[in-house]
PDB file of N, CA and C in Angstrom:
ATOM      1  N   UNK A   1      25.262 -84.796  -3.080  1.00  0.00           N
ATOM      2  CA  UNK A   1      26.400 -84.830  -3.984  1.00  0.00           C
ATOM      3  C   UNK A   1      26.471 -83.493  -4.720  1.00  0.00           C
ATOM      4  N   UNK A   2      27.650 -82.915  -4.777  1.00  0.00           N
ATOM      5  CA  UNK A   2      27.836 -81.664  -5.499  1.00  0.00           C
ATOM      6  C   UNK A   2      27.775 -81.917  -6.997  1.00  0.00           C
ATOM      7  N   UNK A   3      27.399 -80.869  -7.748  1.00  0.00           N
ATOM      8  CA  UNK A   3      27.306 -80.979  -9.202  1.00  0.00           C
ATOM      9  C   UNK A   3      28.635 -81.407  -9.817  1.00  0.00           C
ATOM     10  N   UNK A   4      29.746 -80.927  -9.281  1.00  0.00           N
ATOM     11  CA  UNK A   4      31.058 -81.268  -9.834  1.00  0.00           C
ATOM     12  C   UNK A   4      31.443 -82.709  -9.534  1.00  0.00           C
ATOM     13  N   UNK A   5      30.804 -83.354  -8.532  1.00  0.00           N
ATOM     14  CA  UNK A   5      31.079 -84.742  -8.195  1.00  0.00           C
ATOM     15  C   UNK A   5      30.279 -85.722  -9.050  1.00  0.00           C
ATOM     16  N   UNK A   6      29.268 -85.229  -9.733  1.00  0.00           N
ATOM     17  CA  UNK A   6      28.399 -86.100 -10.523  1.00  0.00           C
ATOM     18  C   UNK A   6      29.147 -86.643 -11.739  1.00  0.00           C
ATOM     19  N   UNK A   7      28.864 -87.896 -12.057  1.00  0.00           N
ATOM     20  CA  UNK A   7      29.487 -88.535 -13.219  1.00  0.00           C
ATOM     21  C   UNK A   7      28.841 -87.969 -14.489  1.00  0.00           C
ATOM     22  N   UNK A   8      29.641 -87.598 -15.488  1.00  0.00           N
ATOM     23  CA  UNK A   8      29.074 -87.081 -16.732  1.00  0.00           C
ATOM     24  C   UNK A   8      28.150 -88.109 -17.381  1.00  0.00           C
ATOM     25  N   UNK A   9      27.133 -87.635 -18.019  1.00  0.00           N
ATOM     26  CA  UNK A   9      26.168 -88.492 -18.700  1.00  0.00           C
ATOM     27  C   UNK A   9      26.290 -88.272 -20.205  1.00  0.00           C
ATOM     28  N   UNK A  10      26.179 -89.329 -20.973  1.00  0.00           N
ATOM     29  CA  UNK A  10      26.245 -89.227 -22.426  1.00  0.00           C
ATOM     30  C   UNK A  10      24.835 -89.070 -22.973  1.00  0.00           C
ATOM     31  N   UNK A  11      24.667 -88.067 -23.829  1.00  0.00           N
ATOM     32  CA  UNK A  11      23.382 -87.805 -24.479  1.00  0.00           C
ATOM     33  C   UNK A  11      23.645 -87.720 -25.974  1.00  0.00           C
ATOM     34  N   UNK A  12      22.817 -88.356 -26.763  1.00  0.00           N
ATOM     35  CA  UNK A  12      22.965 -88.282 -28.218  1.00  0.00           C
ATOM     36  C   UNK A  12      21.726 -87.624 -28.807  1.00  0.00           C
ATOM     37  N   UNK A  13      21.892 -86.979 -29.950  1.00  0.00           N
ATOM     38  CA  UNK A  13      20.764 -86.365 -30.627  1.00  0.00           C
ATOM     39  C   UNK A  13      21.071 -86.263 -32.115  1.00  0.00           C
ATOM     40  N   UNK A  14      20.031 -86.133 -32.902  1.00  0.00           N
ATOM     41  CA  UNK A  14      20.173 -86.055 -34.355  1.00  0.00           C
ATOM     42  C   UNK A  14      20.320 -84.597 -34.773  1.00  0.00           C
ATOM     43  N   UNK A  15      21.110 -84.380 -35.825  1.00  0.00           N
ATOM     44  CA  UNK A  15      21.275 -83.045 -36.390  1.00  0.00           C
ATOM     45  C   UNK A  15      21.143 -83.130 -37.902  1.00  0.00           C
ATOM     46  N   UNK A  16      20.850 -81.988 -38.503  1.00  0.00           N
ATOM     47  CA  UNK A  16      20.767 -81.904 -39.946  1.00  0.00           C
ATOM     48  C   UNK A  16      22.162 -82.103 -40.541  1.00  0.00           C
ATOM     49  N   UNK A  17      22.244 -82.558 -41.792  1.00  0.00           N
ATOM     50  CA  UNK A  17      23.548 -82.800 -42.425  1.00  0.00           C
ATOM     51  C   UNK A  17      24.474 -81.584 -42.415  1.00  0.00           C
ATOM     52  N   UNK A  18      23.948 -80.393 -42.610  1.00  0.00           N
ATOM     53  CA  UNK A  18      24.799 -79.198 -42.632  1.00  0.00           C
ATOM     54  C   UNK A  18      25.442 -78.956 -41.266  1.00  0.00           C
ATOM     55  N   UNK A  19      24.694 -79.274 -40.186  1.00  0.00           N
ATOM     56  CA  UNK A  19      25.233 -79.072 -38.843  1.00  0.00           C
ATOM     57  C   UNK A  19      26.285 -80.134 -38.524  1.00  0.00           C
ATOM     58  N   UNK A  20      26.040 -81.358 -38.947  1.00  0.00           N
ATOM     59  CA  UNK A  20      27.025 -82.424 -38.753  1.00  0.00           C
ATOM     60  C   UNK A  20      28.329 -82.059 -39.463  1.00  0.00           C
ATOM     61  N   UNK A  21      28.226 -81.528 -40.669  1.00  0.00           N
ATOM     62  CA  UNK A  21      29.418 -81.120 -41.415  1.00  0.00           C
ATOM     63  C   UNK A  21      30.147 -80.000 -40.687  1.00  0.00           C
ATOM     64  N   UNK A  22      29.440 -79.036 -40.177  1.00  0.00           N
ATOM     65  CA  UNK A  22      30.069 -77.928 -39.449  1.00  0.00           C
ATOM     66  C   UNK A  22      30.759 -78.428 -38.186  1.00  0.00           C
ATOM     67  N   UNK A  23      30.141 -79.377 -37.484  1.00  0.00           N
ATOM     68  CA  UNK A  23      30.730 -79.902 -36.247  1.00  0.00           C
ATOM     69  C   UNK A  23      31.988 -80.722 -36.497  1.00  0.00           C
ATOM     70  N   UNK A  24      32.114 -81.292 -37.687  1.00  0.00           N
ATOM     71  CA  UNK A  24      33.305 -82.091 -37.989  1.00  0.00           C
ATOM     72  C   UNK A  24      34.586 -81.262 -37.900  1.00  0.00           C
ATOM     73  N   UNK A  25      34.476 -79.961 -38.129  1.00  0.00           N
ATOM     74  CA  UNK A  25      35.672 -79.107 -38.094  1.00  0.00           C
ATOM     75  C   UNK A  25      36.002 -78.607 -36.691  1.00  0.00           C
ATOM     76  N   UNK A  26      35.161 -78.899 -35.716  1.00  0.00           N
ATOM     77  CA  UNK A  26      35.393 -78.454 -34.335  1.00  0.00           C
ATOM     78  C   UNK A  26      36.296 -79.471 -33.635  1.00  0.00           C
ATOM     79  N   UNK A  27      37.432 -79.028 -33.084  1.00  0.00           N
ATOM     80  CA  UNK A  27      38.379 -79.957 -32.462  1.00  0.00           C
ATOM     81  C   UNK A  27      37.796 -80.739 -31.279  1.00  0.00           C
ATOM     82  N   UNK A  28      37.052 -80.077 -30.401  1.00  0.00           N
ATOM     83  CA  UNK A  28      36.479 -80.751 -29.235  1.00  0.00           C
ATOM     84  C   UNK A  28      34.966 -80.533 -29.261  1.00  0.00           C
ATOM     85  N   UNK A  29      34.283 -81.409 -29.977  1.00  0.00           N
ATOM     86  CA  UNK A  29      32.838 -81.256 -30.168  1.00  0.00           C
ATOM     87  C   UNK A  29      32.076 -81.241 -28.846  1.00  0.00           C
ATOM     88  N   UNK A  30      32.442 -82.130 -27.930  1.00  0.00           N
ATOM     89  CA  UNK A  30      31.726 -82.211 -26.654  1.00  0.00           C
ATOM     90  C   UNK A  30      31.815 -80.904 -25.881  1.00  0.00           C
ATOM     91  N   UNK A  31      32.994 -80.348 -25.790  1.00  0.00           N
ATOM     92  CA  UNK A  31      33.170 -79.080 -25.061  1.00  0.00           C
ATOM     93  C   UNK A  31      32.417 -77.962 -25.767  1.00  0.00           C
ATOM     94  N   UNK A  32      32.487 -77.922 -27.086  1.00  0.00           N
ATOM     95  CA  UNK A  32      31.779 -76.909 -27.863  1.00  0.00           C
ATOM     96  C   UNK A  32      30.278 -76.983 -27.607  1.00  0.00           C
ATOM     97  N   UNK A  33      29.728 -78.192 -27.670  1.00  0.00           N
ATOM     98  CA  UNK A  33      28.290 -78.367 -27.464  1.00  0.00           C
ATOM     99  C   UNK A  33      27.899 -78.021 -26.030  1.00  0.00           C
ATOM    100  N   UNK A  34      28.703 -78.439 -25.033  1.00  0.00           N
ATOM    101  CA  UNK A  34      28.416 -78.085 -23.631  1.00  0.00           C
ATOM    102  C   UNK A  34      28.379 -76.573 -23.450  1.00  0.00           C
ATOM    103  N   UNK A  35      29.351 -75.874 -24.015  1.00  0.00           N
ATOM    104  CA  UNK A  35      29.387 -74.411 -23.881  1.00  0.00           C
ATOM    105  C   UNK A  35      28.206 -73.756 -24.601  1.00  0.00           C
ATOM    106  N   UNK A  36      27.883 -74.241 -25.797  1.00  0.00           N
ATOM    107  CA  UNK A  36      26.771 -73.667 -26.557  1.00  0.00           C
ATOM    108  C   UNK A  36      25.451 -73.869 -25.822  1.00  0.00           C
ATOM    109  N   UNK A  37      25.247 -75.061 -25.273  1.00  0.00           N
ATOM    110  CA  UNK A  37      24.015 -75.309 -24.517  1.00  0.00           C
ATOM    111  C   UNK A  37      23.962 -74.468 -23.248  1.00  0.00           C
ATOM    112  N   UNK A  38      25.082 -74.362 -22.558  1.00  0.00           N
ATOM    113  CA  UNK A  38      25.126 -73.531 -21.353  1.00  0.00           C
ATOM    114  C   UNK A  38      24.787 -72.085 -21.657  1.00  0.00           C
ATOM    115  N   UNK A  39      25.342 -71.560 -22.739  1.00  0.00           N
ATOM    116  CA  UNK A  39      25.058 -70.176 -23.132  1.00  0.00           C
ATOM    117  C   UNK A  39      23.586 -70.012 -23.507  1.00  0.00           C
ATOM    118  N   UNK A  40      23.031 -71.004 -24.195  1.00  0.00           N
ATOM    119  CA  UNK A  40      21.620 -70.928 -24.575  1.00  0.00           C
ATOM    120  C   UNK A  40      20.717 -70.923 -23.351  1.00  0.00           C
ATOM    121  N   UNK A  41      21.024 -71.740 -22.353  1.00  0.00           N
ATOM    122  CA  UNK A  41      20.207 -71.770 -21.138  1.00  0.00           C
ATOM    123  C   UNK A  41      20.315 -70.473 -20.356  1.00  0.00           C
ATOM    124  N   UNK A  42      21.455 -69.799 -20.435  1.00  0.00           N
ATOM    125  CA  UNK A  42      21.612 -68.511 -19.756  1.00  0.00           C
ATOM    126  C   UNK A  42      20.780 -67.421 -20.410  1.00  0.00           C
ATOM    127  N   UNK A  43      20.338 -67.644 -21.623  1.00  0.00           N
ATOM    128  CA  UNK A  43      19.604 -66.628 -22.373  1.00  0.00           C
ATOM    129  C   UNK A  43      18.131 -66.975 -22.588  1.00  0.00           C
ATOM    130  N   UNK A  44      17.640 -67.933 -21.865  1.00  0.00           N
ATOM    131  CA  UNK A  44      16.244 -68.349 -22.008  1.00  0.00           C
ATOM    132  C   UNK A  44      15.332 -67.314 -21.355  1.00  0.00           C
ATOM    133  N   UNK A  45      14.247 -67.004 -22.013  1.00  0.00           N
ATOM    134  CA  UNK A  45      13.258 -66.071 -21.466  1.00  0.00           C
ATOM    135  C   UNK A  45      12.756 -66.580 -20.118  1.00  0.00           C
ATOM    136  N   UNK A  46      12.828 -65.753 -19.074  1.00  0.00           N
ATOM    137  CA  UNK A  46      12.408 -66.211 -17.755  1.00  0.00           C
ATOM    138  C   UNK A  46      10.898 -66.445 -17.646  1.00  0.00           C
ATOM    139  N   UNK A  47      10.125 -65.863 -18.547  1.00  0.00           N
ATOM    140  CA  UNK A  47       8.679 -66.033 -18.471  1.00  0.00           C
ATOM    141  C   UNK A  47       8.207 -67.294 -19.211  1.00  0.00           C
ATOM    142  N   UNK A  48       8.609 -67.464 -20.467  1.00  0.00           N
ATOM    143  CA  UNK A  48       8.155 -68.636 -21.232  1.00  0.00           C
ATOM    144  C   UNK A  48       9.129 -69.803 -21.134  1.00  0.00           C
ATOM    145  N   UNK A  49      10.309 -69.574 -20.515  1.00  0.00           N
ATOM    146  CA  UNK A  49      11.337 -70.588 -20.349  1.00  0.00           C
ATOM    147  C   UNK A  49      11.762 -71.192 -21.689  1.00  0.00           C
ATOM    148  N   UNK A  50      11.802 -70.356 -22.711  1.00  0.00           N
ATOM    149  CA  UNK A  50      12.305 -70.777 -24.011  1.00  0.00           C
ATOM    150  C   UNK A  50      11.262 -71.387 -24.936  1.00  0.00           C
ATOM    151  N   UNK A  51      10.026 -71.519 -24.479  1.00  0.00           N
ATOM    152  CA  UNK A  51       8.985 -72.125 -25.310  1.00  0.00           C
ATOM    153  C   UNK A  51       8.561 -71.201 -26.450  1.00  0.00           C
ATOM    154  N   UNK A  52       8.709 -69.899 -26.233  1.00  0.00           N
ATOM    155  CA  UNK A  52       8.276 -68.940 -27.247  1.00  0.00           C
ATOM    156  C   UNK A  52       6.792 -68.638 -27.185  1.00  0.00           C
ATOM    157  N   UNK A  53       6.096 -69.281 -26.268  1.00  0.00           N
ATOM    158  CA  UNK A  53       4.649 -69.106 -26.134  1.00  0.00           C
ATOM    159  C   UNK A  53       4.311 -69.050 -24.652  1.00  0.00           C
ATOM    160  N   UNK A  54       3.407 -68.143 -24.284  1.00  0.00           N
ATOM    161  CA  UNK A  54       2.949 -68.062 -22.900  1.00  0.00           C
ATOM    162  C   UNK A  54       1.686 -68.891 -22.725  1.00  0.00           C
ATOM    163  N   UNK A  55       1.566 -69.551 -21.578  1.00  0.00           N
ATOM    164  CA  UNK A  55       0.318 -70.232 -21.264  1.00  0.00           C
ATOM    165  C   UNK A  55      -0.738 -69.167 -20.999  1.00  0.00           C
ATOM    166  N   UNK A  56      -1.979 -69.581 -20.902  1.00  0.00           N
ATOM    167  CA  UNK A  56      -3.059 -68.631 -20.639  1.00  0.00           C
ATOM    168  C   UNK A  56      -2.827 -67.880 -19.323  1.00  0.00           C
ATOM    169  N   UNK A  57      -2.410 -68.593 -18.289  1.00  0.00           N
ATOM    170  CA  UNK A  57      -2.187 -67.935 -16.998  1.00  0.00           C
ATOM    171  C   UNK A  57      -0.942 -67.048 -17.034  1.00  0.00           C
ATOM    172  N   UNK A  58       0.117 -67.491 -17.724  1.00  0.00           N
ATOM    173  CA  UNK A  58       1.296 -66.633 -17.865  1.00  0.00           C
ATOM    174  C   UNK A  58       0.928 -65.354 -18.612  1.00  0.00           C
ATOM    175  N   UNK A  59       0.085 -65.456 -19.620  1.00  0.00           N
ATOM    176  CA  UNK A  59      -0.339 -64.277 -20.396  1.00  0.00           C
ATOM    177  C   UNK A  59      -1.126 -63.306 -19.514  1.00  0.00           C
ATOM    178  N   UNK A  60      -1.978 -63.827 -18.644  1.00  0.00           N
ATOM    179  CA  UNK A  60      -2.729 -62.945 -17.728  1.00  0.00           C
ATOM    180  C   UNK A  60      -1.774 -62.200 -16.803  1.00  0.00           C
ATOM    181  N   UNK A  61      -0.774 -62.914 -16.274  1.00  0.00           N
ATOM    182  CA  UNK A  61       0.215 -62.256 -15.416  1.00  0.00           C
ATOM    183  C   UNK A  61       0.990 -61.202 -16.216  1.00  0.00           C
ATOM    184  N   UNK A  62       1.357 -61.527 -17.452  1.00  0.00           N
ATOM    185  CA  UNK A  62       2.063 -60.570 -18.293  1.00  0.00           C
ATOM    186  C   UNK A  62       1.203 -59.326 -18.515  1.00  0.00           C
ATOM    187  N   UNK A  63      -0.076 -59.527 -18.831  1.00  0.00           N
ATOM    188  CA  UNK A  63      -0.973 -58.391 -19.074  1.00  0.00           C
ATOM    189  C   UNK A  63      -1.046 -57.484 -17.850  1.00  0.00           C
ATOM    190  N   UNK A  64      -1.117 -58.079 -16.651  1.00  0.00           N
ATOM    191  CA  UNK A  64      -1.129 -57.276 -15.417  1.00  0.00           C
ATOM    192  C   UNK A  64       0.174 -56.491 -15.277  1.00  0.00           C
ATOM    193  N   UNK A  65       1.295 -57.137 -15.517  1.00  0.00           N
ATOM    194  CA  UNK A  65       2.604 -56.509 -15.412  1.00  0.00           C
ATOM    195  C   UNK A  65       2.760 -55.398 -16.451  1.00  0.00           C
ATOM    196  N   UNK A  66       2.277 -55.643 -17.666  1.00  0.00           N
ATOM    197  CA  UNK A  66       2.462 -54.704 -18.774  1.00  0.00           C
ATOM    198  C   UNK A  66       1.721 -53.388 -18.569  1.00  0.00           C
ATOM    199  N   UNK A  67       0.742 -53.363 -17.673  1.00  0.00           N
ATOM    200  CA  UNK A  67       0.020 -52.116 -17.406  1.00  0.00           C
ATOM    201  C   UNK A  67       0.988 -51.032 -16.945  1.00  0.00           C
ATOM    202  N   UNK A  68       1.982 -51.382 -16.150  1.00  0.00           N
ATOM    203  CA  UNK A  68       2.921 -50.395 -15.625  1.00  0.00           C
ATOM    204  C   UNK A  68       4.308 -50.468 -16.225  1.00  0.00           C
ATOM    205  N   UNK A  69       4.475 -51.258 -17.287  1.00  0.00           N
ATOM    206  CA  UNK A  69       5.786 -51.446 -17.888  1.00  0.00           C
ATOM    207  C   UNK A  69       5.677 -51.450 -19.405  1.00  0.00           C
ATOM    208  N   UNK A  70       6.782 -51.186 -20.061  1.00  0.00           N
ATOM    209  CA  UNK A  70       6.786 -51.195 -21.525  1.00  0.00           C
ATOM    210  C   UNK A  70       8.027 -51.932 -22.026  1.00  0.00           C
ATOM    211  N   UNK A  71       7.861 -52.578 -23.160  1.00  0.00           N
ATOM    212  CA  UNK A  71       8.996 -53.174 -23.855  1.00  0.00           C
ATOM    213  C   UNK A  71       9.606 -52.062 -24.696  1.00  0.00           C
ATOM    214  N   UNK A  72      10.901 -51.846 -24.532  1.00  0.00           N
ATOM    215  CA  UNK A  72      11.565 -50.696 -25.130  1.00  0.00           C
ATOM    216  C   UNK A  72      12.739 -51.140 -25.989  1.00  0.00           C
ATOM    217  N   UNK A  73      12.956 -50.429 -27.068  1.00  0.00           N
ATOM    218  CA  UNK A  73      14.125 -50.684 -27.910  1.00  0.00           C
ATOM    219  C   UNK A  73      15.047 -49.482 -27.793  1.00  0.00           C
ATOM    220  N   UNK A  74      16.285 -49.740 -27.426  1.00  0.00           N
ATOM    221  CA  UNK A  74      17.284 -48.691 -27.292  1.00  0.00           C
ATOM    222  C   UNK A  74      17.676 -48.198 -28.684  1.00  0.00           C
ATOM    223  N   UNK A  75      17.590 -46.904 -28.887  1.00  0.00           N
ATOM    224  CA  UNK A  75      17.951 -46.350 -30.189  1.00  0.00           C
ATOM    225  C   UNK A  75      19.457 -46.384 -30.424  1.00  0.00           C
ATOM    226  N   UNK A  76      20.257 -46.537 -29.349  1.00  0.00           N
ATOM    227  CA  UNK A  76      21.710 -46.589 -29.493  1.00  0.00           C
ATOM    228  C   UNK A  76      22.201 -47.991 -29.862  1.00  0.00           C
ATOM    229  N   UNK A  77      21.785 -49.007 -29.096  1.00  0.00           N
ATOM    230  CA  UNK A  77      22.299 -50.366 -29.343  1.00  0.00           C
ATOM    231  C   UNK A  77      21.223 -51.293 -29.927  1.00  0.00           C
ATOM    232  N   UNK A  78      19.981 -50.851 -29.968  1.00  0.00           N
ATOM    233  CA  UNK A  78      18.845 -51.591 -30.531  1.00  0.00           C
ATOM    234  C   UNK A  78      18.420 -52.807 -29.710  1.00  0.00           C
ATOM    235  N   UNK A  79      18.952 -52.945 -28.484  1.00  0.00           N
ATOM    236  CA  UNK A  79      18.533 -54.046 -27.610  1.00  0.00           C
ATOM    237  C   UNK A  79      17.137 -53.754 -27.073  1.00  0.00           C
ATOM    238  N   UNK A  80      16.341 -54.801 -26.911  1.00  0.00           N
ATOM    239  CA  UNK A  80      15.007 -54.658 -26.319  1.00  0.00           C
ATOM    240  C   UNK A  80      15.108 -54.947 -24.837  1.00  0.00           C
ATOM    241  N   UNK A  81      14.376 -54.172 -24.037  1.00  0.00           N
ATOM    242  CA  UNK A  81      14.372 -54.379 -22.589  1.00  0.00           C
ATOM    243  C   UNK A  81      13.101 -53.777 -22.003  1.00  0.00           C
ATOM    244  N   UNK A  82      12.786 -54.175 -20.779  1.00  0.00           N
ATOM    245  CA  UNK A  82      11.600 -53.667 -20.092  1.00  0.00           C
ATOM    246  C   UNK A  82      11.956 -52.445 -19.266  1.00  0.00           C
ATOM    247  N   UNK A  83      11.040 -51.496 -19.238  1.00  0.00           N
ATOM    248  CA  UNK A  83      11.197 -50.333 -18.379  1.00  0.00           C
ATOM    249  C   UNK A  83       9.892 -50.092 -17.629  1.00  0.00           C
ATOM    250  N   UNK A  84      10.036 -49.522 -16.442  1.00  0.00           N
ATOM    251  CA  UNK A  84       8.888 -49.146 -15.630  1.00  0.00           C
ATOM    252  C   UNK A  84       8.345 -47.825 -16.154  1.00  0.00           C
ATOM    253  N   UNK A  85       7.026 -47.718 -16.292  1.00  0.00           N
ATOM    254  CA  UNK A  85       6.425 -46.507 -16.853  1.00  0.00           C
ATOM    255  C   UNK A  85       6.302 -45.369 -15.850  1.00  0.00           C
ATOM    256  N   UNK A  86       6.745 -45.548 -14.603  1.00  0.00           N
ATOM    257  CA  UNK A  86       6.666 -44.459 -13.636  1.00  0.00           C
ATOM    258  C   UNK A  86       7.765 -43.427 -13.867  1.00  0.00           C
ATOM    259  N   UNK A  87       8.587 -43.619 -14.900  1.00  0.00           N
ATOM    260  CA  UNK A  87       9.621 -42.659 -15.239  1.00  0.00           C
ATOM    261  C   UNK A  87      11.002 -43.072 -14.793  1.00  0.00           C
ATOM    262  N   UNK A  88      11.096 -43.855 -13.741  1.00  0.00           N
ATOM    263  CA  UNK A  88      12.398 -44.340 -13.299  1.00  0.00           C
ATOM    264  C   UNK A  88      12.813 -45.482 -14.215  1.00  0.00           C
ATOM    265  N   UNK A  89      14.050 -45.501 -14.601  1.00  0.00           N
ATOM    266  CA  UNK A  89      14.547 -46.603 -15.407  1.00  0.00           C
ATOM    267  C   UNK A  89      14.412 -46.388 -16.895  1.00  0.00           C
ATOM    268  N   UNK A  90      13.765 -45.301 -17.330  1.00  0.00           N
ATOM    269  CA  UNK A  90      13.693 -45.017 -18.759  1.00  0.00           C
ATOM    270  C   UNK A  90      15.094 -44.684 -19.246  1.00  0.00           C
ATOM    271  N   UNK A  91      15.609 -45.443 -20.169  1.00  0.00           N
ATOM    272  CA  UNK A  91      16.992 -45.250 -20.606  1.00  0.00           C
ATOM    273  C   UNK A  91      17.079 -44.218 -21.722  1.00  0.00           C
ATOM    274  N   UNK A  92      18.293 -43.725 -21.933  1.00  0.00           N
ATOM    275  CA  UNK A  92      18.541 -42.776 -23.009  1.00  0.00           C
ATOM    276  C   UNK A  92      18.226 -43.418 -24.343  1.00  0.00           C
ATOM    277  N   UNK A  93      17.668 -42.644 -25.250  1.00  0.00           N
ATOM    278  CA  UNK A  93      17.477 -43.114 -26.598  1.00  0.00           C
ATOM    279  C   UNK A  93      16.498 -44.252 -26.755  1.00  0.00           C
ATOM    280  N   UNK A  94      15.544 -44.397 -25.823  1.00  0.00           N
ATOM    281  CA  UNK A  94      14.628 -45.536 -25.885  1.00  0.00           C
ATOM    282  C   UNK A  94      13.310 -45.149 -26.503  1.00  0.00           C
ATOM    283  N   UNK A  95      12.739 -46.066 -27.252  1.00  0.00           N
ATOM    284  CA  UNK A  95      11.385 -45.919 -27.760  1.00  0.00           C
ATOM    285  C   UNK A  95      10.588 -47.094 -27.253  1.00  0.00           C
ATOM    286  N   UNK A  96       9.325 -46.873 -26.829  1.00  0.00           N
ATOM    287  CA  UNK A  96       8.603 -47.978 -26.193  1.00  0.00           C
ATOM    288  C   UNK A  96       7.398 -48.467 -26.967  1.00  0.00           C
ATOM    289  N   UNK A  97       7.035 -49.716 -26.642  1.00  0.00           N
ATOM    290  CA  UNK A  97       5.814 -50.351 -27.139  1.00  0.00           C
ATOM    291  C   UNK A  97       5.287 -51.236 -26.024  1.00  0.00           C
ATOM    292  N   UNK A  98       4.030 -51.681 -26.117  1.00  0.00           N
ATOM    293  CA  UNK A  98       3.426 -52.482 -25.048  1.00  0.00           C
ATOM    294  C   UNK A  98       3.326 -53.953 -25.424  1.00  0.00           C
ATOM    295  N   UNK A  99       4.222 -54.487 -26.203  1.00  0.00           N
ATOM    296  CA  UNK A  99       4.139 -55.899 -26.585  1.00  0.00           C
ATOM    297  C   UNK A  99       5.067 -56.752 -25.744  1.00  0.00           C
ATOM    298  N   UNK A 100       4.723 -58.057 -25.570  1.00  0.00           N
ATOM    299  CA  UNK A 100       5.577 -58.940 -24.787  1.00  0.00           C
ATOM    300  C   UNK A 100       6.860 -59.290 -25.483  1.00  0.00           C
TER     301      UNK A 100
END
């Protein structure tokens, strides 16, 4: 069955009072929440999958990877990104550090 053929499922969850109040002003709460969740999943860290913490084995893999790569902050837009330390891919205006 294709994803578009699947019947929608209803999910409920609790929110803080301030969030409930903010949602009351949204015309289509369901669509708003679907879009917000979709956007959040598109931005999840591929390594920790949004947990914010690496497992012991994930950390070992990160440490191996970090030997040849650096976490860099662009001085122009201030976005953080990874660069290879072999010189290729170093962006303009970047400053680097070795943290995950």
